[in-house]
Structure formats: C-alpha cells, structure tokens
Amino acid sequence: MLDVAIDTRKIHPLSDFLRNYKVHIAQLKESRTPEVLTVNGRAEVVLMDTETYENIVEQLNRTRAVVAARVHMAQARKNAPPQEPITETEIERRQSIMKELVEETERLGLYR
C-alpha cells in the first residue's frame, strides 16, 4: 500500500515554492512523497509527482472494483436460486478468485 502521510518537514509556504520551484519539483520526483503548500500559514495545496498520483488513482480504482465485486457477490448470494452441485474444479476456481480478492483487499488495507 502507498504511504501518503504528510511529513511535517514537507510543509512549505507557497512563496517558497514560487521562488524555488525547481528544487521543490526535483525533491518531489526524488522522494515520491507529497508536499503541502501553505498560504498565510494554512494548508492549501498538496503537490506530488505524477507517478505517485497515478499509483494512488490505480489503487483507488482497484479498491472500487473489489468493493463492487463484493457487493455484487453478496447480492447474487442473496437472490440466487438453489443450484445444482458444482464440480471440484469449479470450487477450486471460486476459491482462487476469493483468495485473490482477500489478498488484494488486505494489501490495500481494507480487509480487517
């Protein structure tokens, strides 16, 4: 899981960023950690490099897919008519899918 907690050493006034933007951008790319810019002492903007942002969006999309799959599966179980007995192969396939879902939700910190 991505750790995007804000490091208090990464909080800077907007005026400092404007004067030294090249240094700030280089640090963002190197550290891959977000930086907070303040205006009049209040946090106003969070900056991060593109790769970190894309990883966060990808993780969010995966999380949404896992949640949607769980909701769909719960609804299907609730509304499903009795089924014919399933084969051992099908049981193993379904267990594999569930294992992947659980691993992904644990990796994302959603399964507790």
PDB file of N, CA and C in Angstrom:
ATOM      1  N   MET A   1       0.841  -1.168   0.000  1.00  0.00           N
ATOM      2  CA  MET A   1       0.000   0.000   0.000  1.00  0.00           C
ATOM      3  C   MET A   1       0.890   1.237   0.000  1.00  0.00           C
ATOM      4  N   LEU A   2       0.411   2.267  -0.660  1.00  0.00           N
ATOM      5  CA  LEU A   2       1.154   3.517  -0.683  1.00  0.00           C
ATOM      6  C   LEU A   2       1.018   4.232   0.645  1.00  0.00           C
ATOM      7  N   ASP A   3       2.117   4.771   1.112  1.00  0.00           N
ATOM      8  CA  ASP A   3       2.091   5.565   2.332  1.00  0.00           C
ATOM      9  C   ASP A   3       2.146   7.019   1.905  1.00  0.00           C
ATOM     10  N   VAL A   4       1.032   7.715   2.027  1.00  0.00           N
ATOM     11  CA  VAL A   4       0.985   9.105   1.586  1.00  0.00           C
ATOM     12  C   VAL A   4       0.783  10.065   2.750  1.00  0.00           C
ATOM     13  N   ALA A   5       1.132   9.637   3.956  1.00  0.00           N
ATOM     14  CA  ALA A   5       1.065  10.541   5.101  1.00  0.00           C
ATOM     15  C   ALA A   5       1.991  11.724   4.862  1.00  0.00           C
ATOM     16  N   ILE A   6       1.568  12.865   5.305  1.00  0.00           N
ATOM     17  CA  ILE A   6       2.352  14.083   5.091  1.00  0.00           C
ATOM     18  C   ILE A   6       3.440  14.184   6.147  1.00  0.00           C
ATOM     19  N   ASP A   7       4.663  14.291   5.687  1.00  0.00           N
ATOM     20  CA  ASP A   7       5.827  14.502   6.548  1.00  0.00           C
ATOM     21  C   ASP A   7       5.847  15.992   6.903  1.00  0.00           C
ATOM     22  N   THR A   8       5.901  16.315   8.184  1.00  0.00           N
ATOM     23  CA  THR A   8       5.868  17.721   8.586  1.00  0.00           C
ATOM     24  C   THR A   8       7.046  18.514   8.028  1.00  0.00           C
ATOM     25  N   ARG A   9       8.098  17.806   7.631  1.00  0.00           N
ATOM     26  CA  ARG A   9       9.230  18.505   7.007  1.00  0.00           C
ATOM     27  C   ARG A   9       8.916  18.874   5.561  1.00  0.00           C
ATOM     28  N   LYS A  10       7.784  18.406   5.050  1.00  0.00           N
ATOM     29  CA  LYS A  10       7.385  18.667   3.665  1.00  0.00           C
ATOM     30  C   LYS A  10       6.270  19.703   3.593  1.00  0.00           C
ATOM     31  N   ILE A  11       6.203  20.596   4.574  1.00  0.00           N
ATOM     32  CA  ILE A  11       5.218  21.678   4.577  1.00  0.00           C
ATOM     33  C   ILE A  11       5.973  22.983   4.352  1.00  0.00           C
ATOM     34  N   HIS A  12       5.578  23.688   3.288  1.00  0.00           N
ATOM     35  CA  HIS A  12       6.310  24.898   2.899  1.00  0.00           C
ATOM     36  C   HIS A  12       5.332  25.997   2.490  1.00  0.00           C
ATOM     37  N   PRO A  13       5.730  27.235   2.686  1.00  0.00           N
ATOM     38  CA  PRO A  13       4.904  28.346   2.195  1.00  0.00           C
ATOM     39  C   PRO A  13       4.871  28.359   0.666  1.00  0.00           C
ATOM     40  N   LEU A  14       3.748  28.750   0.119  1.00  0.00           N
ATOM     41  CA  LEU A  14       3.621  28.873  -1.335  1.00  0.00           C
ATOM     42  C   LEU A  14       4.689  29.808  -1.883  1.00  0.00           C
ATOM     43  N   SER A  15       5.001  30.862  -1.167  1.00  0.00           N
ATOM     44  CA  SER A  15       6.003  31.827  -1.635  1.00  0.00           C
ATOM     45  C   SER A  15       7.375  31.153  -1.807  1.00  0.00           C
ATOM     46  N   ASP A  16       7.714  30.224  -0.901  1.00  0.00           N
ATOM     47  CA  ASP A  16       8.984  29.495  -1.031  1.00  0.00           C
ATOM     48  C   ASP A  16       8.955  28.614  -2.274  1.00  0.00           C
ATOM     49  N   PHE A  17       7.832  27.960  -2.513  1.00  0.00           N
ATOM     50  CA  PHE A  17       7.708  27.129  -3.716  1.00  0.00           C
ATOM     51  C   PHE A  17       7.869  27.982  -4.971  1.00  0.00           C
ATOM     52  N   LEU A  18       7.232  29.142  -4.997  1.00  0.00           N
ATOM     53  CA  LEU A  18       7.319  30.000  -6.179  1.00  0.00           C
ATOM     54  C   LEU A  18       8.746  30.475  -6.426  1.00  0.00           C
ATOM     55  N   ARG A  19       9.494  30.768  -5.362  1.00  0.00           N
ATOM     56  CA  ARG A  19      10.885  31.208  -5.513  1.00  0.00           C
ATOM     57  C   ARG A  19      11.808  30.057  -5.906  1.00  0.00           C
ATOM     58  N   ASN A  20      11.516  28.856  -5.404  1.00  0.00           N
ATOM     59  CA  ASN A  20      12.436  27.720  -5.585  1.00  0.00           C
ATOM     60  C   ASN A  20      11.730  26.510  -6.193  1.00  0.00           C
ATOM     61  N   TYR A  21      10.867  26.743  -7.161  1.00  0.00           N
ATOM     62  CA  TYR A  21      10.053  25.652  -7.699  1.00  0.00           C
ATOM     63  C   TYR A  21      10.882  24.518  -8.292  1.00  0.00           C
ATOM     64  N   LYS A  22      12.012  24.820  -8.903  1.00  0.00           N
ATOM     65  CA  LYS A  22      12.830  23.753  -9.499  1.00  0.00           C
ATOM     66  C   LYS A  22      13.348  22.785  -8.434  1.00  0.00           C
ATOM     67  N   VAL A  23      13.768  23.325  -7.307  1.00  0.00           N
ATOM     68  CA  VAL A  23      14.254  22.490  -6.197  1.00  0.00           C
ATOM     69  C   VAL A  23      13.113  21.637  -5.654  1.00  0.00           C
ATOM     70  N   HIS A  24      11.951  22.255  -5.459  1.00  0.00           N
ATOM     71  CA  HIS A  24      10.801  21.523  -4.926  1.00  0.00           C
ATOM     72  C   HIS A  24      10.390  20.391  -5.870  1.00  0.00           C
ATOM     73  N   ILE A  25      10.325  20.673  -7.155  1.00  0.00           N
ATOM     74  CA  ILE A  25       9.930  19.642  -8.127  1.00  0.00           C
ATOM     75  C   ILE A  25      10.946  18.510  -8.153  1.00  0.00           C
ATOM     76  N   ALA A  26      12.218  18.845  -8.096  1.00  0.00           N
ATOM     77  CA  ALA A  26      13.252  17.800  -8.068  1.00  0.00           C
ATOM     78  C   ALA A  26      13.100  16.932  -6.825  1.00  0.00           C
ATOM     79  N   GLN A  27      12.818  17.553  -5.679  1.00  0.00           N
ATOM     80  CA  GLN A  27      12.638  16.790  -4.431  1.00  0.00           C
ATOM     81  C   GLN A  27      11.387  15.904  -4.492  1.00  0.00           C
ATOM     82  N   LEU A  28      10.319  16.433  -5.084  1.00  0.00           N
ATOM     83  CA  LEU A  28       9.095  15.635  -5.236  1.00  0.00           C
ATOM     84  C   LEU A  28       9.355  14.393  -6.077  1.00  0.00           C
ATOM     85  N   LYS A  29      10.084  14.566  -7.167  1.00  0.00           N
ATOM     86  CA  LYS A  29      10.379  13.430  -8.051  1.00  0.00           C
ATOM     87  C   LYS A  29      11.288  12.412  -7.367  1.00  0.00           C
ATOM     88  N   GLU A  30      12.241  12.904  -6.614  1.00  0.00           N
ATOM     89  CA  GLU A  30      13.205  12.006  -5.955  1.00  0.00           C
ATOM     90  C   GLU A  30      12.578  11.274  -4.773  1.00  0.00           C
ATOM     91  N   SER A  31      11.880  12.004  -3.925  1.00  0.00           N
ATOM     92  CA  SER A  31      11.367  11.409  -2.679  1.00  0.00           C
ATOM     93  C   SER A  31      10.065  10.646  -2.876  1.00  0.00           C
ATOM     94  N   ARG A  32       9.296  11.014  -3.905  1.00  0.00           N
ATOM     95  CA  ARG A  32       7.993  10.397  -4.164  1.00  0.00           C
ATOM     96  C   ARG A  32       7.037  10.567  -2.970  1.00  0.00           C
ATOM     97  N   THR A  33       7.235  11.653  -2.210  1.00  0.00           N
ATOM     98  CA  THR A  33       6.336  11.938  -1.096  1.00  0.00           C
ATOM     99  C   THR A  33       5.689  13.299  -1.325  1.00  0.00           C
ATOM    100  N   PRO A  34       4.435  13.439  -0.937  1.00  0.00           N
ATOM    101  CA  PRO A  34       3.718  14.702  -1.164  1.00  0.00           C
ATOM    102  C   PRO A  34       4.302  15.858  -0.355  1.00  0.00           C
ATOM    103  N   GLU A  35       4.017  17.031  -0.828  1.00  0.00           N
ATOM    104  CA  GLU A  35       4.456  18.261  -0.175  1.00  0.00           C
ATOM    105  C   GLU A  35       3.231  19.149  -0.018  1.00  0.00           C
ATOM    106  N   VAL A  36       3.099  19.789   1.129  1.00  0.00           N
ATOM    107  CA  VAL A  36       1.976  20.689   1.387  1.00  0.00           C
ATOM    108  C   VAL A  36       2.467  22.124   1.245  1.00  0.00           C
ATOM    109  N   LEU A  37       1.692  22.911   0.522  1.00  0.00           N
ATOM    110  CA  LEU A  37       1.996  24.336   0.398  1.00  0.00           C
ATOM    111  C   LEU A  37       0.972  25.110   1.218  1.00  0.00           C
ATOM    112  N   THR A  38       1.470  26.092   1.961  1.00  0.00           N
ATOM    113  CA  THR A  38       0.600  26.889   2.820  1.00  0.00           C
ATOM    114  C   THR A  38       0.457  28.307   2.277  1.00  0.00           C
ATOM    115  N   VAL A  39      -0.683  28.901   2.591  1.00  0.00           N
ATOM    116  CA  VAL A  39      -0.933  30.307   2.299  1.00  0.00           C
ATOM    117  C   VAL A  39      -1.397  30.925   3.614  1.00  0.00           C
ATOM    118  N   ASN A  40      -0.681  31.926   4.058  1.00  0.00           N
ATOM    119  CA  ASN A  40      -0.966  32.567   5.352  1.00  0.00           C
ATOM    120  C   ASN A  40      -0.993  31.538   6.483  1.00  0.00           C
ATOM    121  N   GLY A  41      -0.078  30.580   6.425  1.00  0.00           N
ATOM    122  CA  GLY A  41       0.060  29.590   7.487  1.00  0.00           C
ATOM    123  C   GLY A  41      -0.947  28.451   7.462  1.00  0.00           C
ATOM    124  N   ARG A  42      -1.830  28.423   6.477  1.00  0.00           N
ATOM    125  CA  ARG A  42      -2.847  27.366   6.392  1.00  0.00           C
ATOM    126  C   ARG A  42      -2.579  26.484   5.181  1.00  0.00           C
ATOM    127  N   ALA A  43      -2.697  25.184   5.365  1.00  0.00           N
ATOM    128  CA  ALA A  43      -2.502  24.248   4.258  1.00  0.00           C
ATOM    129  C   ALA A  43      -3.537  24.529   3.174  1.00  0.00           C
ATOM    130  N   GLU A  44      -3.060  24.676   1.941  1.00  0.00           N
ATOM    131  CA  GLU A  44      -3.955  24.997   0.824  1.00  0.00           C
ATOM    132  C   GLU A  44      -3.845  23.997  -0.319  1.00  0.00           C
ATOM    133  N   VAL A  45      -2.639  23.475  -0.567  1.00  0.00           N
ATOM    134  CA  VAL A  45      -2.422  22.637  -1.740  1.00  0.00           C
ATOM    135  C   VAL A  45      -1.482  21.495  -1.377  1.00  0.00           C
ATOM    136  N   VAL A  46      -1.761  20.319  -1.930  1.00  0.00           N
ATOM    137  CA  VAL A  46      -0.847  19.188  -1.793  1.00  0.00           C
ATOM    138  C   VAL A  46      -0.278  18.902  -3.171  1.00  0.00           C
ATOM    139  N   LEU A  47       1.041  18.825  -3.241  1.00  0.00           N
ATOM    140  CA  LEU A  47       1.726  18.519  -4.505  1.00  0.00           C
ATOM    141  C   LEU A  47       2.348  17.137  -4.427  1.00  0.00           C
ATOM    142  N   MET A  48       2.336  16.434  -5.556  1.00  0.00           N
ATOM    143  CA  MET A  48       3.027  15.148  -5.618  1.00  0.00           C
ATOM    144  C   MET A  48       3.455  14.913  -7.053  1.00  0.00           C
ATOM    145  N   ASP A  49       4.412  14.017  -7.206  1.00  0.00           N
ATOM    146  CA  ASP A  49       4.870  13.710  -8.554  1.00  0.00           C
ATOM    147  C   ASP A  49       3.802  12.887  -9.271  1.00  0.00           C
ATOM    148  N   THR A  50       3.873  12.880 -10.578  1.00  0.00           N
ATOM    149  CA  THR A  50       2.861  12.225 -11.401  1.00  0.00           C
ATOM    150  C   THR A  50       2.790  10.729 -11.146  1.00  0.00           C
ATOM    151  N   GLU A  51       3.919  10.071 -11.001  1.00  0.00           N
ATOM    152  CA  GLU A  51       3.917   8.620 -10.790  1.00  0.00           C
ATOM    153  C   GLU A  51       3.191   8.251  -9.496  1.00  0.00           C
ATOM    154  N   THR A  52       3.443   8.990  -8.423  1.00  0.00           N
ATOM    155  CA  THR A  52       2.759   8.732  -7.164  1.00  0.00           C
ATOM    156  C   THR A  52       1.261   8.949  -7.313  1.00  0.00           C
ATOM    157  N   TYR A  53       0.880  10.015  -7.985  1.00  0.00           N
ATOM    158  CA  TYR A  53      -0.540  10.300  -8.216  1.00  0.00           C
ATOM    159  C   TYR A  53      -1.193   9.165  -9.002  1.00  0.00           C
ATOM    160  N   GLU A  54      -0.539   8.728 -10.071  1.00  0.00           N
ATOM    161  CA  GLU A  54      -1.090   7.641 -10.881  1.00  0.00           C
ATOM    162  C   GLU A  54      -1.228   6.359 -10.068  1.00  0.00           C
ATOM    163  N   ASN A  55      -0.264   6.081  -9.186  1.00  0.00           N
ATOM    164  CA  ASN A  55      -0.355   4.896  -8.329  1.00  0.00           C
ATOM    165  C   ASN A  55      -1.543   5.000  -7.376  1.00  0.00           C
ATOM    166  N   ILE A  56      -1.770   6.177  -6.836  1.00  0.00           N
ATOM    167  CA  ILE A  56      -2.898   6.373  -5.923  1.00  0.00           C
ATOM    168  C   ILE A  56      -4.217   6.178  -6.669  1.00  0.00           C
ATOM    169  N   VAL A  57      -4.326   6.738  -7.857  1.00  0.00           N
ATOM    170  CA  VAL A  57      -5.550   6.584  -8.652  1.00  0.00           C
ATOM    171  C   VAL A  57      -5.765   5.115  -9.003  1.00  0.00           C
ATOM    172  N   GLU A  58      -4.709   4.422  -9.391  1.00  0.00           N
ATOM    173  CA  GLU A  58      -4.817   2.996  -9.713  1.00  0.00           C
ATOM    174  C   GLU A  58      -5.277   2.196  -8.496  1.00  0.00           C
ATOM    175  N   GLN A  59      -4.711   2.496  -7.344  1.00  0.00           N
ATOM    176  CA  GLN A  59      -5.093   1.812  -6.110  1.00  0.00           C
ATOM    177  C   GLN A  59      -6.557   2.096  -5.768  1.00  0.00           C
ATOM    178  N   LEU A  60      -6.985   3.324  -5.943  1.00  0.00           N
ATOM    179  CA  LEU A  60      -8.370   3.682  -5.699  1.00  0.00           C
ATOM    180  C   LEU A  60      -9.296   2.916  -6.633  1.00  0.00           C
ATOM    181  N   ASN A  61      -8.939   2.831  -7.908  1.00  0.00           N
ATOM    182  CA  ASN A  61      -9.759   2.105  -8.871  1.00  0.00           C
ATOM    183  C   ASN A  61      -9.835   0.619  -8.528  1.00  0.00           C
ATOM    184  N   ARG A  62      -8.725   0.039  -8.101  1.00  0.00           N
ATOM    185  CA  ARG A  62      -8.745  -1.371  -7.682  1.00  0.00           C
ATOM    186  C   ARG A  62      -9.656  -1.558  -6.478  1.00  0.00           C
ATOM    187  N   THR A  63      -9.557  -0.638  -5.533  1.00  0.00           N
ATOM    188  CA  THR A  63     -10.387  -0.715  -4.333  1.00  0.00           C
ATOM    189  C   THR A  63     -11.858  -0.652  -4.705  1.00  0.00           C
ATOM    190  N   ARG A  64     -12.207   0.260  -5.591  1.00  0.00           N
ATOM    191  CA  ARG A  64     -13.595   0.368  -6.044  1.00  0.00           C
ATOM    192  C   ARG A  64     -14.048  -0.927  -6.713  1.00  0.00           C
ATOM    193  N   ALA A  65     -13.177  -1.535  -7.521  1.00  0.00           N
ATOM    194  CA  ALA A  65     -13.525  -2.789  -8.199  1.00  0.00           C
ATOM    195  C   ALA A  65     -13.747  -3.911  -7.194  1.00  0.00           C
ATOM    196  N   VAL A  66     -12.909  -3.978  -6.171  1.00  0.00           N
ATOM    197  CA  VAL A  66     -13.054  -5.018  -5.149  1.00  0.00           C
ATOM    198  C   VAL A  66     -14.366  -4.823  -4.396  1.00  0.00           C
ATOM    199  N   VAL A  67     -14.659  -3.591  -4.026  1.00  0.00           N
ATOM    200  CA  VAL A  67     -15.897  -3.311  -3.302  1.00  0.00           C
ATOM    201  C   VAL A  67     -17.102  -3.655  -4.179  1.00  0.00           C
ATOM    202  N   ALA A  68     -17.063  -3.267  -5.443  1.00  0.00           N
ATOM    203  CA  ALA A  68     -18.170  -3.578  -6.352  1.00  0.00           C
ATOM    204  C   ALA A  68     -18.341  -5.085  -6.505  1.00  0.00           C
ATOM    205  N   ALA A  69     -17.241  -5.818  -6.599  1.00  0.00           N
ATOM    206  CA  ALA A  69     -17.313  -7.278  -6.721  1.00  0.00           C
ATOM    207  C   ALA A  69     -17.919  -7.889  -5.470  1.00  0.00           C
ATOM    208  N   ARG A  70     -17.527  -7.395  -4.320  1.00  0.00           N
ATOM    209  CA  ARG A  70     -18.083  -7.926  -3.061  1.00  0.00           C
ATOM    210  C   ARG A  70     -19.581  -7.637  -2.964  1.00  0.00           C
ATOM    211  N   VAL A  71     -19.995  -6.448  -3.331  1.00  0.00           N
ATOM    212  CA  VAL A  71     -21.414  -6.096  -3.296  1.00  0.00           C
ATOM    213  C   VAL A  71     -22.184  -6.986  -4.264  1.00  0.00           C
ATOM    214  N   HIS A  72     -21.651  -7.139  -5.466  1.00  0.00           N
ATOM    215  CA  HIS A  72     -22.298  -7.973  -6.484  1.00  0.00           C
ATOM    216  C   HIS A  72     -22.418  -9.421  -5.994  1.00  0.00           C
ATOM    217  N   MET A  73     -21.350  -9.941  -5.413  1.00  0.00           N
ATOM    218  CA  MET A  73     -21.367 -11.313  -4.930  1.00  0.00           C
ATOM    219  C   MET A  73     -22.371 -11.472  -3.795  1.00  0.00           C
ATOM    220  N   ALA A  74     -22.438 -10.506  -2.902  1.00  0.00           N
ATOM    221  CA  ALA A  74     -23.387 -10.580  -1.793  1.00  0.00           C
ATOM    222  C   ALA A  74     -24.821 -10.548  -2.312  1.00  0.00           C
ATOM    223  N   GLN A  75     -25.087  -9.690  -3.288  1.00  0.00           N
ATOM    224  CA  GLN A  75     -26.429  -9.612  -3.865  1.00  0.00           C
ATOM    225  C   GLN A  75     -26.776 -10.910  -4.597  1.00  0.00           C
ATOM    226  N   ALA A  76     -25.804 -11.451  -5.323  1.00  0.00           N
ATOM    227  CA  ALA A  76     -26.038 -12.693  -6.059  1.00  0.00           C
ATOM    228  C   ALA A  76     -26.351 -13.837  -5.092  1.00  0.00           C
ATOM    229  N   ARG A  77     -25.604 -13.915  -3.994  1.00  0.00           N
ATOM    230  CA  ARG A  77     -25.865 -14.964  -2.997  1.00  0.00           C
ATOM    231  C   ARG A  77     -27.253 -14.804  -2.390  1.00  0.00           C
ATOM    232  N   LYS A  78     -27.641 -13.575  -2.140  1.00  0.00           N
ATOM    233  CA  LYS A  78     -28.924 -13.295  -1.510  1.00  0.00           C
ATOM    234  C   LYS A  78     -30.091 -13.675  -2.424  1.00  0.00           C
ATOM    235  N   ASN A  79     -29.936 -13.431  -3.716  1.00  0.00           N
ATOM    236  CA  ASN A  79     -31.032 -13.641  -4.675  1.00  0.00           C
ATOM    237  C   ASN A  79     -30.929 -14.937  -5.469  1.00  0.00           C
ATOM    238  N   ALA A  80     -29.894 -15.691  -5.258  1.00  0.00           N
ATOM    239  CA  ALA A  80     -29.660 -16.877  -6.092  1.00  0.00           C
ATOM    240  C   ALA A  80     -30.608 -18.012  -5.735  1.00  0.00           C
ATOM    241  N   PRO A  81     -31.171 -18.645  -6.768  1.00  0.00           N
ATOM    242  CA  PRO A  81     -31.982 -19.836  -6.514  1.00  0.00           C
ATOM    243  C   PRO A  81     -31.062 -21.007  -6.159  1.00  0.00           C
ATOM    244  N   PRO A  82     -31.592 -22.057  -5.564  1.00  0.00           N
ATOM    245  CA  PRO A  82     -30.758 -23.226  -5.276  1.00  0.00           C
ATOM    246  C   PRO A  82     -30.091 -23.729  -6.555  1.00  0.00           C
ATOM    247  N   GLN A  83     -28.847 -24.145  -6.420  1.00  0.00           N
ATOM    248  CA  GLN A  83     -28.082 -24.571  -7.597  1.00  0.00           C
ATOM    249  C   GLN A  83     -27.827 -26.062  -7.568  1.00  0.00           C
ATOM    250  N   GLU A  84     -27.498 -26.536  -8.744  1.00  0.00           N
ATOM    251  CA  GLU A  84     -27.041 -27.917  -8.875  1.00  0.00           C
ATOM    252  C   GLU A  84     -25.690 -28.025  -8.185  1.00  0.00           C
ATOM    253  N   PRO A  85     -25.326 -29.190  -7.716  1.00  0.00           N
ATOM    254  CA  PRO A  85     -23.986 -29.357  -7.130  1.00  0.00           C
ATOM    255  C   PRO A  85     -22.914 -28.943  -8.148  1.00  0.00           C
ATOM    256  N   ILE A  86     -21.861 -28.302  -7.646  1.00  0.00           N
ATOM    257  CA  ILE A  86     -20.804 -27.852  -8.549  1.00  0.00           C
ATOM    258  C   ILE A  86     -19.617 -28.806  -8.480  1.00  0.00           C
ATOM    259  N   THR A  87     -18.809 -28.751  -9.511  1.00  0.00           N
ATOM    260  CA  THR A  87     -17.670 -29.664  -9.616  1.00  0.00           C
ATOM    261  C   THR A  87     -16.533 -29.205  -8.715  1.00  0.00           C
ATOM    262  N   GLU A  88     -15.638 -30.122  -8.451  1.00  0.00           N
ATOM    263  CA  GLU A  88     -14.444 -29.814  -7.650  1.00  0.00           C
ATOM    264  C   GLU A  88     -13.611 -28.726  -8.330  1.00  0.00           C
ATOM    265  N   THR A  89     -13.518 -28.789  -9.636  1.00  0.00           N
ATOM    266  CA  THR A  89     -12.756 -27.785 -10.397  1.00  0.00           C
ATOM    267  C   THR A  89     -13.359 -26.399 -10.218  1.00  0.00           C
ATOM    268  N   GLU A  90     -14.681 -26.324 -10.265  1.00  0.00           N
ATOM    269  CA  GLU A  90     -15.355 -25.038 -10.095  1.00  0.00           C
ATOM    270  C   GLU A  90     -15.162 -24.514  -8.669  1.00  0.00           C
ATOM    271  N   ILE A  91     -15.191 -25.385  -7.700  1.00  0.00           N
ATOM    272  CA  ILE A  91     -14.949 -24.979  -6.311  1.00  0.00           C
ATOM    273  C   ILE A  91     -13.544 -24.396  -6.187  1.00  0.00           C
ATOM    274  N   GLU A  92     -12.562 -25.070  -6.771  1.00  0.00           N
ATOM    275  CA  GLU A  92     -11.179 -24.583  -6.710  1.00  0.00           C
ATOM    276  C   GLU A  92     -11.043 -23.239  -7.415  1.00  0.00           C
ATOM    277  N   ARG A  93     -11.723 -23.069  -8.553  1.00  0.00           N
ATOM    278  CA  ARG A  93     -11.666 -21.806  -9.296  1.00  0.00           C
ATOM    279  C   ARG A  93     -12.246 -20.674  -8.449  1.00  0.00           C
ATOM    280  N   ARG A  94     -13.379 -20.929  -7.820  1.00  0.00           N
ATOM    281  CA  ARG A  94     -14.015 -19.903  -6.990  1.00  0.00           C
ATOM    282  C   ARG A  94     -13.176 -19.580  -5.758  1.00  0.00           C
ATOM    283  N   GLN A  95     -12.572 -20.591  -5.171  1.00  0.00           N
ATOM    284  CA  GLN A  95     -11.706 -20.352  -4.019  1.00  0.00           C
ATOM    285  C   GLN A  95     -10.497 -19.515  -4.414  1.00  0.00           C
ATOM    286  N   SER A  96      -9.975 -19.765  -5.591  1.00  0.00           N
ATOM    287  CA  SER A  96      -8.835 -18.993  -6.090  1.00  0.00           C
ATOM    288  C   SER A  96      -9.214 -17.520  -6.268  1.00  0.00           C
ATOM    289  N   ILE A  97     -10.390 -17.284  -6.821  1.00  0.00           N
ATOM    290  CA  ILE A  97     -10.867 -15.907  -7.015  1.00  0.00           C
ATOM    291  C   ILE A  97     -11.043 -15.226  -5.661  1.00  0.00           C
ATOM    292  N   MET A  98     -11.645 -15.913  -4.723  1.00  0.00           N
ATOM    293  CA  MET A  98     -11.845 -15.326  -3.392  1.00  0.00           C
ATOM    294  C   MET A  98     -10.508 -15.038  -2.716  1.00  0.00           C
ATOM    295  N   LYS A  99      -9.563 -15.961  -2.863  1.00  0.00           N
ATOM    296  CA  LYS A  99      -8.241 -15.750  -2.270  1.00  0.00           C
ATOM    297  C   LYS A  99      -7.602 -14.489  -2.850  1.00  0.00           C
ATOM    298  N   GLU A 100      -7.702 -14.307  -4.169  1.00  0.00           N
ATOM    299  CA  GLU A 100      -7.147 -13.113  -4.801  1.00  0.00           C
ATOM    300  C   GLU A 100      -7.831 -11.854  -4.283  1.00  0.00           C
ATOM    301  N   LEU A 101      -9.159 -11.893  -4.142  1.00  0.00           N
ATOM    302  CA  LEU A 101      -9.884 -10.726  -3.627  1.00  0.00           C
ATOM    303  C   LEU A 101      -9.458 -10.398  -2.202  1.00  0.00           C
ATOM    304  N   VAL A 102      -9.348 -11.412  -1.363  1.00  0.00           N
ATOM    305  CA  VAL A 102      -8.940 -11.185   0.023  1.00  0.00           C
ATOM    306  C   VAL A 102      -7.521 -10.630   0.070  1.00  0.00           C
ATOM    307  N   GLU A 103      -6.606 -11.207  -0.713  1.00  0.00           N
ATOM    308  CA  GLU A 103      -5.224 -10.716  -0.726  1.00  0.00           C
ATOM    309  C   GLU A 103      -5.161  -9.266  -1.171  1.00  0.00           C
ATOM    310  N   GLU A 104      -5.939  -8.932  -2.208  1.00  0.00           N
ATOM    311  CA  GLU A 104      -5.925  -7.554  -2.709  1.00  0.00           C
ATOM    312  C   GLU A 104      -6.509  -6.589  -1.674  1.00  0.00           C
ATOM    313  N   THR A 105      -7.592  -6.974  -1.025  1.00  0.00           N
ATOM    314  CA  THR A 105      -8.171  -6.071  -0.026  1.00  0.00           C
ATOM    315  C   THR A 105      -7.259  -5.959   1.193  1.00  0.00           C
ATOM    316  N   GLU A 106      -6.566  -7.029   1.558  1.00  0.00           N
ATOM    317  CA  GLU A 106      -5.592  -6.943   2.665  1.00  0.00           C
ATOM    318  C   GLU A 106      -4.437  -6.043   2.265  1.00  0.00           C
ATOM    319  N   ARG A 107      -3.959  -6.193   1.030  1.00  0.00           N
ATOM    320  CA  ARG A 107      -2.856  -5.356   0.541  1.00  0.00           C
ATOM    321  C   ARG A 107      -3.253  -3.883   0.565  1.00  0.00           C
ATOM    322  N   LEU A 108      -4.514  -3.611   0.255  1.00  0.00           N
ATOM    323  CA  LEU A 108      -4.994  -2.240   0.237  1.00  0.00           C
ATOM    324  C   LEU A 108      -5.380  -1.745   1.634  1.00  0.00           C
ATOM    325  N   GLY A 109      -5.318  -2.639   2.614  1.00  0.00           N
ATOM    326  CA  GLY A 109      -5.653  -2.253   3.975  1.00  0.00           C
ATOM    327  C   GLY A 109      -7.137  -2.149   4.228  1.00  0.00           C
ATOM    328  N   LEU A 110      -7.955  -2.825   3.403  1.00  0.00           N
ATOM    329  CA  LEU A 110      -9.410  -2.727   3.542  1.00  0.00           C
ATOM    330  C   LEU A 110     -10.014  -3.920   4.255  1.00  0.00           C
ATOM    331  N   TYR A 111      -9.306  -5.021   4.335  1.00  0.00           N
ATOM    332  CA  TYR A 111      -9.843  -6.260   4.903  1.00  0.00           C
ATOM    333  C   TYR A 111      -9.357  -6.395   6.321  1.00  0.00           C
ATOM    334  N   ARG A 112     -10.288  -6.372   7.242  1.00  0.00           N
ATOM    335  CA  ARG A 112      -9.888  -6.477   8.656  1.00  0.00           C
ATOM    336  C   ARG A 112     -10.800  -7.423   9.361  1.00  0.00           C
TER     337      ARG A 112
END
